[in-house]
Amino acid sequence: MVERVAREAVADLGVEAKVEKVTDYFEILKYRGAATPGLVINEKLVCAGRVPGTIEVKAWLTSAPAQES
């Protein structure tokens, strides 16, 4: 569900982003305080324990600092 919302937000904004669903327990544990479902943008946990709305995800995406290549 979070993956779908994230993909919708990326498509609506027309930005380039890699959306990846992570199910590996040990990968999830890398983000302290992470509860599932969760959303990470540029290696920062922005939401955990609930499914955010598309509007929230768009706001997080537009305010996230650009990552260097």
PDB file of N, CA and C in Angstrom:
ATOM      1  N   MET A   1       0.818  -1.194   0.000  1.00  0.00           N
ATOM      2  CA  MET A   1       0.000   0.000   0.000  1.00  0.00           C
ATOM      3  C   MET A   1       0.864   1.262   0.000  1.00  0.00           C
ATOM      4  N   VAL A   2       1.895   1.303   0.850  1.00  0.00           N
ATOM      5  CA  VAL A   2       2.781   2.468   0.872  1.00  0.00           C
ATOM      6  C   VAL A   2       3.522   2.587  -0.458  1.00  0.00           C
ATOM      7  N   GLU A   3       3.905   1.448  -1.014  1.00  0.00           N
ATOM      8  CA  GLU A   3       4.592   1.460  -2.302  1.00  0.00           C
ATOM      9  C   GLU A   3       3.698   2.095  -3.372  1.00  0.00           C
ATOM     10  N   ARG A   4       2.422   1.751  -3.396  1.00  0.00           N
ATOM     11  CA  ARG A   4       1.489   2.301  -4.377  1.00  0.00           C
ATOM     12  C   ARG A   4       1.353   3.817  -4.204  1.00  0.00           C
ATOM     13  N   VAL A   5       1.211   4.260  -2.958  1.00  0.00           N
ATOM     14  CA  VAL A   5       1.084   5.693  -2.676  1.00  0.00           C
ATOM     15  C   VAL A   5       2.345   6.430  -3.115  1.00  0.00           C
ATOM     16  N   ALA A   6       3.516   5.854  -2.831  1.00  0.00           N
ATOM     17  CA  ALA A   6       4.778   6.480  -3.224  1.00  0.00           C
ATOM     18  C   ALA A   6       4.892   6.576  -4.741  1.00  0.00           C
ATOM     19  N   ARG A   7       4.517   5.508  -5.436  1.00  0.00           N
ATOM     20  CA  ARG A   7       4.566   5.529  -6.908  1.00  0.00           C
ATOM     21  C   ARG A   7       3.610   6.564  -7.486  1.00  0.00           C
ATOM     22  N   GLU A   8       2.424   6.685  -6.896  1.00  0.00           N
ATOM     23  CA  GLU A   8       1.464   7.700  -7.343  1.00  0.00           C
ATOM     24  C   GLU A   8       2.037   9.103  -7.161  1.00  0.00           C
ATOM     25  N   ALA A   9       2.633   9.358  -6.005  1.00  0.00           N
ATOM     26  CA  ALA A   9       3.196  10.671  -5.724  1.00  0.00           C
ATOM     27  C   ALA A   9       4.322  11.005  -6.700  1.00  0.00           C
ATOM     28  N   VAL A  10       5.195  10.041  -6.955  1.00  0.00           N
ATOM     29  CA  VAL A  10       6.303  10.243  -7.904  1.00  0.00           C
ATOM     30  C   VAL A  10       5.753  10.540  -9.294  1.00  0.00           C
ATOM     31  N   ALA A  11       4.754   9.783  -9.712  1.00  0.00           N
ATOM     32  CA  ALA A  11       4.161   9.987 -11.041  1.00  0.00           C
ATOM     33  C   ALA A  11       3.473  11.342 -11.126  1.00  0.00           C
ATOM     34  N   ASP A  12       2.724  11.708 -10.097  1.00  0.00           N
ATOM     35  CA  ASP A  12       2.030  12.997 -10.091  1.00  0.00           C
ATOM     36  C   ASP A  12       3.005  14.170 -10.180  1.00  0.00           C
ATOM     37  N   LEU A  13       4.144  14.042  -9.488  1.00  0.00           N
ATOM     38  CA  LEU A  13       5.136  15.111  -9.493  1.00  0.00           C
ATOM     39  C   LEU A  13       6.012  15.097 -10.739  1.00  0.00           C
ATOM     40  N   GLY A  14       6.056  13.953 -11.413  1.00  0.00           N
ATOM     41  CA  GLY A  14       6.895  13.837 -12.599  1.00  0.00           C
ATOM     42  C   GLY A  14       8.373  13.866 -12.282  1.00  0.00           C
ATOM     43  N   VAL A  15       8.725  13.373 -11.104  1.00  0.00           N
ATOM     44  CA  VAL A  15      10.136  13.345 -10.711  1.00  0.00           C
ATOM     45  C   VAL A  15      10.719  11.968 -10.964  1.00  0.00           C
ATOM     46  N   GLU A  16      12.027  11.914 -11.037  1.00  0.00           N
ATOM     47  CA  GLU A  16      12.721  10.641 -11.203  1.00  0.00           C
ATOM     48  C   GLU A  16      13.049  10.109  -9.819  1.00  0.00           C
ATOM     49  N   ALA A  17      12.612   8.891  -9.542  1.00  0.00           N
ATOM     50  CA  ALA A  17      12.862   8.302  -8.231  1.00  0.00           C
ATOM     51  C   ALA A  17      12.879   6.792  -8.343  1.00  0.00           C
ATOM     52  N   LYS A  18      13.623   6.169  -7.459  1.00  0.00           N
ATOM     53  CA  LYS A  18      13.646   4.713  -7.366  1.00  0.00           C
ATOM     54  C   LYS A  18      12.729   4.339  -6.204  1.00  0.00           C
ATOM     55  N   VAL A  19      11.675   3.609  -6.500  1.00  0.00           N
ATOM     56  CA  VAL A  19      10.752   3.146  -5.471  1.00  0.00           C
ATOM     57  C   VAL A  19      11.003   1.661  -5.281  1.00  0.00           C
ATOM     58  N   GLU A  20      11.333   1.295  -4.069  1.00  0.00           N
ATOM     59  CA  GLU A  20      11.693  -0.092  -3.783  1.00  0.00           C
ATOM     60  C   GLU A  20      10.961  -0.571  -2.543  1.00  0.00           C
ATOM     61  N   LYS A  21      10.299  -1.703  -2.651  1.00  0.00           N
ATOM     62  CA  LYS A  21       9.624  -2.307  -1.510  1.00  0.00           C
ATOM     63  C   LYS A  21      10.619  -3.224  -0.807  1.00  0.00           C
ATOM     64  N   VAL A  22      10.846  -2.961   0.470  1.00  0.00           N
ATOM     65  CA  VAL A  22      11.794  -3.745   1.252  1.00  0.00           C
ATOM     66  C   VAL A  22      11.010  -4.602   2.237  1.00  0.00           C
ATOM     67  N   THR A  23      11.259  -5.896   2.202  1.00  0.00           N
ATOM     68  CA  THR A  23      10.579  -6.810   3.114  1.00  0.00           C
ATOM     69  C   THR A  23      11.543  -7.540   4.041  1.00  0.00           C
ATOM     70  N   ASP A  24      12.838  -7.361   3.808  1.00  0.00           N
ATOM     71  CA  ASP A  24      13.848  -8.022   4.625  1.00  0.00           C
ATOM     72  C   ASP A  24      13.883  -7.378   6.019  1.00  0.00           C
ATOM     73  N   TYR A  25      13.628  -8.189   7.031  1.00  0.00           N
ATOM     74  CA  TYR A  25      13.552  -7.717   8.409  1.00  0.00           C
ATOM     75  C   TYR A  25      14.817  -6.977   8.840  1.00  0.00           C
ATOM     76  N   PHE A  26      15.980  -7.481   8.490  1.00  0.00           N
ATOM     77  CA  PHE A  26      17.230  -6.854   8.912  1.00  0.00           C
ATOM     78  C   PHE A  26      17.476  -5.523   8.203  1.00  0.00           C
ATOM     79  N   GLU A  27      17.008  -5.391   6.981  1.00  0.00           N
ATOM     80  CA  GLU A  27      17.095  -4.103   6.282  1.00  0.00           C
ATOM     81  C   GLU A  27      16.203  -3.073   6.965  1.00  0.00           C
ATOM     82  N   ILE A  28      15.021  -3.503   7.364  1.00  0.00           N
ATOM     83  CA  ILE A  28      14.075  -2.597   8.038  1.00  0.00           C
ATOM     84  C   ILE A  28      14.650  -2.134   9.373  1.00  0.00           C
ATOM     85  N   LEU A  29      15.324  -3.021  10.078  1.00  0.00           N
ATOM     86  CA  LEU A  29      15.898  -2.676  11.388  1.00  0.00           C
ATOM     87  C   LEU A  29      16.980  -1.607  11.305  1.00  0.00           C
ATOM     88  N   LYS A  30      17.538  -1.380  10.130  1.00  0.00           N
ATOM     89  CA  LYS A  30      18.580  -0.359   9.976  1.00  0.00           C
ATOM     90  C   LYS A  30      18.039   1.040  10.287  1.00  0.00           C
ATOM     91  N   TYR A  31      16.732   1.200  10.185  1.00  0.00           N
ATOM     92  CA  TYR A  31      16.112   2.499  10.448  1.00  0.00           C
ATOM     93  C   TYR A  31      15.512   2.464  11.844  1.00  0.00           C
ATOM     94  N   ARG A  32      16.209   3.067  12.771  1.00  0.00           N
ATOM     95  CA  ARG A  32      15.791   3.041  14.173  1.00  0.00           C
ATOM     96  C   ARG A  32      14.355   3.542  14.312  1.00  0.00           C
ATOM     97  N   GLY A  33      13.601   2.849  15.118  1.00  0.00           N
ATOM     98  CA  GLY A  33      12.223   3.247  15.365  1.00  0.00           C
ATOM     99  C   GLY A  33      11.277   2.875  14.246  1.00  0.00           C
ATOM    100  N   ALA A  34      11.767   2.120  13.286  1.00  0.00           N
ATOM    101  CA  ALA A  34      10.933   1.766  12.144  1.00  0.00           C
ATOM    102  C   ALA A  34       9.878   0.743  12.542  1.00  0.00           C
ATOM    103  N   ALA A  35       8.657   1.081  12.227  1.00  0.00           N
ATOM    104  CA  ALA A  35       7.554   0.134  12.356  1.00  0.00           C
ATOM    105  C   ALA A  35       6.996  -0.016  10.949  1.00  0.00           C
ATOM    106  N   THR A  36       6.436  -1.163  10.657  1.00  0.00           N
ATOM    107  CA  THR A  36       5.908  -1.356   9.311  1.00  0.00           C
ATOM    108  C   THR A  36       4.441  -0.966   9.284  1.00  0.00           C
ATOM    109  N   PRO A  37       3.973  -0.428   8.194  1.00  0.00           N
ATOM    110  CA  PRO A  37       4.749  -0.050   7.025  1.00  0.00           C
ATOM    111  C   PRO A  37       5.548   1.215   7.302  1.00  0.00           C
ATOM    112  N   GLY A  38       6.563   1.433   6.492  1.00  0.00           N
ATOM    113  CA  GLY A  38       7.383   2.620   6.649  1.00  0.00           C
ATOM    114  C   GLY A  38       7.761   3.191   5.298  1.00  0.00           C
ATOM    115  N   LEU A  39       8.181   4.436   5.318  1.00  0.00           N
ATOM    116  CA  LEU A  39       8.614   5.097   4.093  1.00  0.00           C
ATOM    117  C   LEU A  39       9.924   5.827   4.359  1.00  0.00           C
ATOM    118  N   VAL A  40      10.913   5.536   3.521  1.00  0.00           N
ATOM    119  CA  VAL A  40      12.235   6.156   3.627  1.00  0.00           C
ATOM    120  C   VAL A  40      12.480   6.942   2.353  1.00  0.00           C
ATOM    121  N   ILE A  41      12.901   8.183   2.508  1.00  0.00           N
ATOM    122  CA  ILE A  41      13.256   9.030   1.361  1.00  0.00           C
ATOM    123  C   ILE A  41      14.683   9.503   1.578  1.00  0.00           C
ATOM    124  N   ASN A  42      15.541   9.213   0.614  1.00  0.00           N
ATOM    125  CA  ASN A  42      16.965   9.589   0.695  1.00  0.00           C
ATOM    126  C   ASN A  42      17.585   9.116   2.013  1.00  0.00           C
ATOM    127  N   GLU A  43      17.327   7.854   2.360  1.00  0.00           N
ATOM    128  CA  GLU A  43      17.895   7.213   3.548  1.00  0.00           C
ATOM    129  C   GLU A  43      17.376   7.797   4.859  1.00  0.00           C
ATOM    130  N   LYS A  44      16.287   8.574   4.835  1.00  0.00           N
ATOM    131  CA  LYS A  44      15.704   9.138   6.046  1.00  0.00           C
ATOM    132  C   LYS A  44      14.296   8.579   6.213  1.00  0.00           C
ATOM    133  N   LEU A  45      14.025   8.001   7.379  1.00  0.00           N
ATOM    134  CA  LEU A  45      12.695   7.493   7.684  1.00  0.00           C
ATOM    135  C   LEU A  45      11.762   8.686   7.883  1.00  0.00           C
ATOM    136  N   VAL A  46      10.752   8.796   7.031  1.00  0.00           N
ATOM    137  CA  VAL A  46       9.829   9.930   7.129  1.00  0.00           C
ATOM    138  C   VAL A  46       8.470   9.531   7.676  1.00  0.00           C
ATOM    139  N   CYS A  47       8.158   8.244   7.659  1.00  0.00           N
ATOM    140  CA  CYS A  47       6.862   7.792   8.152  1.00  0.00           C
ATOM    141  C   CYS A  47       6.969   6.323   8.541  1.00  0.00           C
ATOM    142  N   ALA A  48       6.371   5.973   9.683  1.00  0.00           N
ATOM    143  CA  ALA A  48       6.398   4.565  10.122  1.00  0.00           C
ATOM    144  C   ALA A  48       5.118   4.246  10.878  1.00  0.00           C
ATOM    145  N   GLY A  49       4.647   3.031  10.671  1.00  0.00           N
ATOM    146  CA  GLY A  49       3.502   2.555  11.409  1.00  0.00           C
ATOM    147  C   GLY A  49       2.145   2.927  10.840  1.00  0.00           C
ATOM    148  N   ARG A  50       2.145   3.561   9.670  1.00  0.00           N
ATOM    149  CA  ARG A  50       0.886   3.928   9.026  1.00  0.00           C
ATOM    150  C   ARG A  50       1.114   4.139   7.542  1.00  0.00           C
ATOM    151  N   VAL A  51       0.026   4.234   6.802  1.00  0.00           N
ATOM    152  CA  VAL A  51       0.101   4.498   5.369  1.00  0.00           C
ATOM    153  C   VAL A  51      -0.175   5.991   5.165  1.00  0.00           C
ATOM    154  N   PRO A  52       0.815   6.737   4.692  1.00  0.00           N
ATOM    155  CA  PRO A  52       0.607   8.167   4.475  1.00  0.00           C
ATOM    156  C   PRO A  52      -0.239   8.401   3.230  1.00  0.00           C
ATOM    157  N   GLY A  53      -0.806   9.586   3.147  1.00  0.00           N
ATOM    158  CA  GLY A  53      -1.557   9.966   1.960  1.00  0.00           C
ATOM    159  C   GLY A  53      -0.630  10.470   0.866  1.00  0.00           C
ATOM    160  N   THR A  54      -1.138  10.490  -0.343  1.00  0.00           N
ATOM    161  CA  THR A  54      -0.338  10.950  -1.486  1.00  0.00           C
ATOM    162  C   THR A  54       0.123  12.390  -1.290  1.00  0.00           C
ATOM    163  N   ILE A  55      -0.728  13.228  -0.735  1.00  0.00           N
ATOM    164  CA  ILE A  55      -0.362  14.643  -0.512  1.00  0.00           C
ATOM    165  C   ILE A  55       0.827  14.740   0.439  1.00  0.00           C
ATOM    166  N   GLU A  56       0.832  13.942   1.499  1.00  0.00           N
ATOM    167  CA  GLU A  56       1.965  13.937   2.433  1.00  0.00           C
ATOM    168  C   GLU A  56       3.249  13.511   1.733  1.00  0.00           C
ATOM    169  N   VAL A  57       3.152  12.437   0.962  1.00  0.00           N
ATOM    170  CA  VAL A  57       4.342  11.923   0.279  1.00  0.00           C
ATOM    171  C   VAL A  57       4.870  12.952  -0.713  1.00  0.00           C
ATOM    172  N   LYS A  58       3.991  13.623  -1.419  1.00  0.00           N
ATOM    173  CA  LYS A  58       4.425  14.679  -2.351  1.00  0.00           C
ATOM    174  C   LYS A  58       5.169  15.776  -1.604  1.00  0.00           C
ATOM    175  N   ALA A  59       4.663  16.159  -0.448  1.00  0.00           N
ATOM    176  CA  ALA A  59       5.327  17.206   0.350  1.00  0.00           C
ATOM    177  C   ALA A  59       6.711  16.747   0.788  1.00  0.00           C
ATOM    178  N   TRP A  60       6.831  15.506   1.222  1.00  0.00           N
ATOM    179  CA  TRP A  60       8.136  14.991   1.642  1.00  0.00           C
ATOM    180  C   TRP A  60       9.097  14.924   0.471  1.00  0.00           C
ATOM    181  N   LEU A  61       8.587  14.511  -0.684  1.00  0.00           N
ATOM    182  CA  LEU A  61       9.455  14.414  -1.873  1.00  0.00           C
ATOM    183  C   LEU A  61       9.941  15.782  -2.320  1.00  0.00           C
ATOM    184  N   THR A  62       9.074  16.773  -2.289  1.00  0.00           N
ATOM    185  CA  THR A  62       9.477  18.106  -2.763  1.00  0.00           C
ATOM    186  C   THR A  62      10.373  18.826  -1.768  1.00  0.00           C
ATOM    187  N   SER A  63      10.295  18.454  -0.496  1.00  0.00           N
ATOM    188  CA  SER A  63      11.151  19.122   0.481  1.00  0.00           C
ATOM    189  C   SER A  63      12.435  18.343   0.777  1.00  0.00           C
ATOM    190  N   ALA A  64      12.537  17.125   0.240  1.00  0.00           N
ATOM    191  CA  ALA A  64      13.733  16.312   0.477  1.00  0.00           C
ATOM    192  C   ALA A  64      14.934  16.905  -0.263  1.00  0.00           C
ATOM    193  N   PRO A  65      16.073  17.000   0.418  1.00  0.00           N
ATOM    194  CA  PRO A  65      17.266  17.489  -0.271  1.00  0.00           C
ATOM    195  C   PRO A  65      17.663  16.525  -1.390  1.00  0.00           C
ATOM    196  N   ALA A  66      18.160  17.093  -2.459  1.00  0.00           N
ATOM    197  CA  ALA A  66      18.596  16.260  -3.594  1.00  0.00           C
ATOM    198  C   ALA A  66      19.789  15.424  -3.165  1.00  0.00           C
ATOM    199  N   GLN A  67      19.801  14.183  -3.620  1.00  0.00           N
ATOM    200  CA  GLN A  67      20.942  13.316  -3.337  1.00  0.00           C
ATOM    201  C   GLN A  67      21.958  13.472  -4.432  1.00  0.00           C
ATOM    202  N   GLU A  68      23.227  13.463  -4.022  1.00  0.00           N
ATOM    203  CA  GLU A  68      24.305  13.564  -5.009  1.00  0.00           C
ATOM    204  C   GLU A  68      24.484  12.223  -5.697  1.00  0.00           C
ATOM    205  N   SER A  69      24.827  12.250  -6.965  1.00  0.00           N
ATOM    206  CA  SER A  69      25.036  11.009  -7.724  1.00  0.00           C
ATOM    207  C   SER A  69      26.372  10.396  -7.427  1.00  0.00           C
TER     208      SER A  69
END
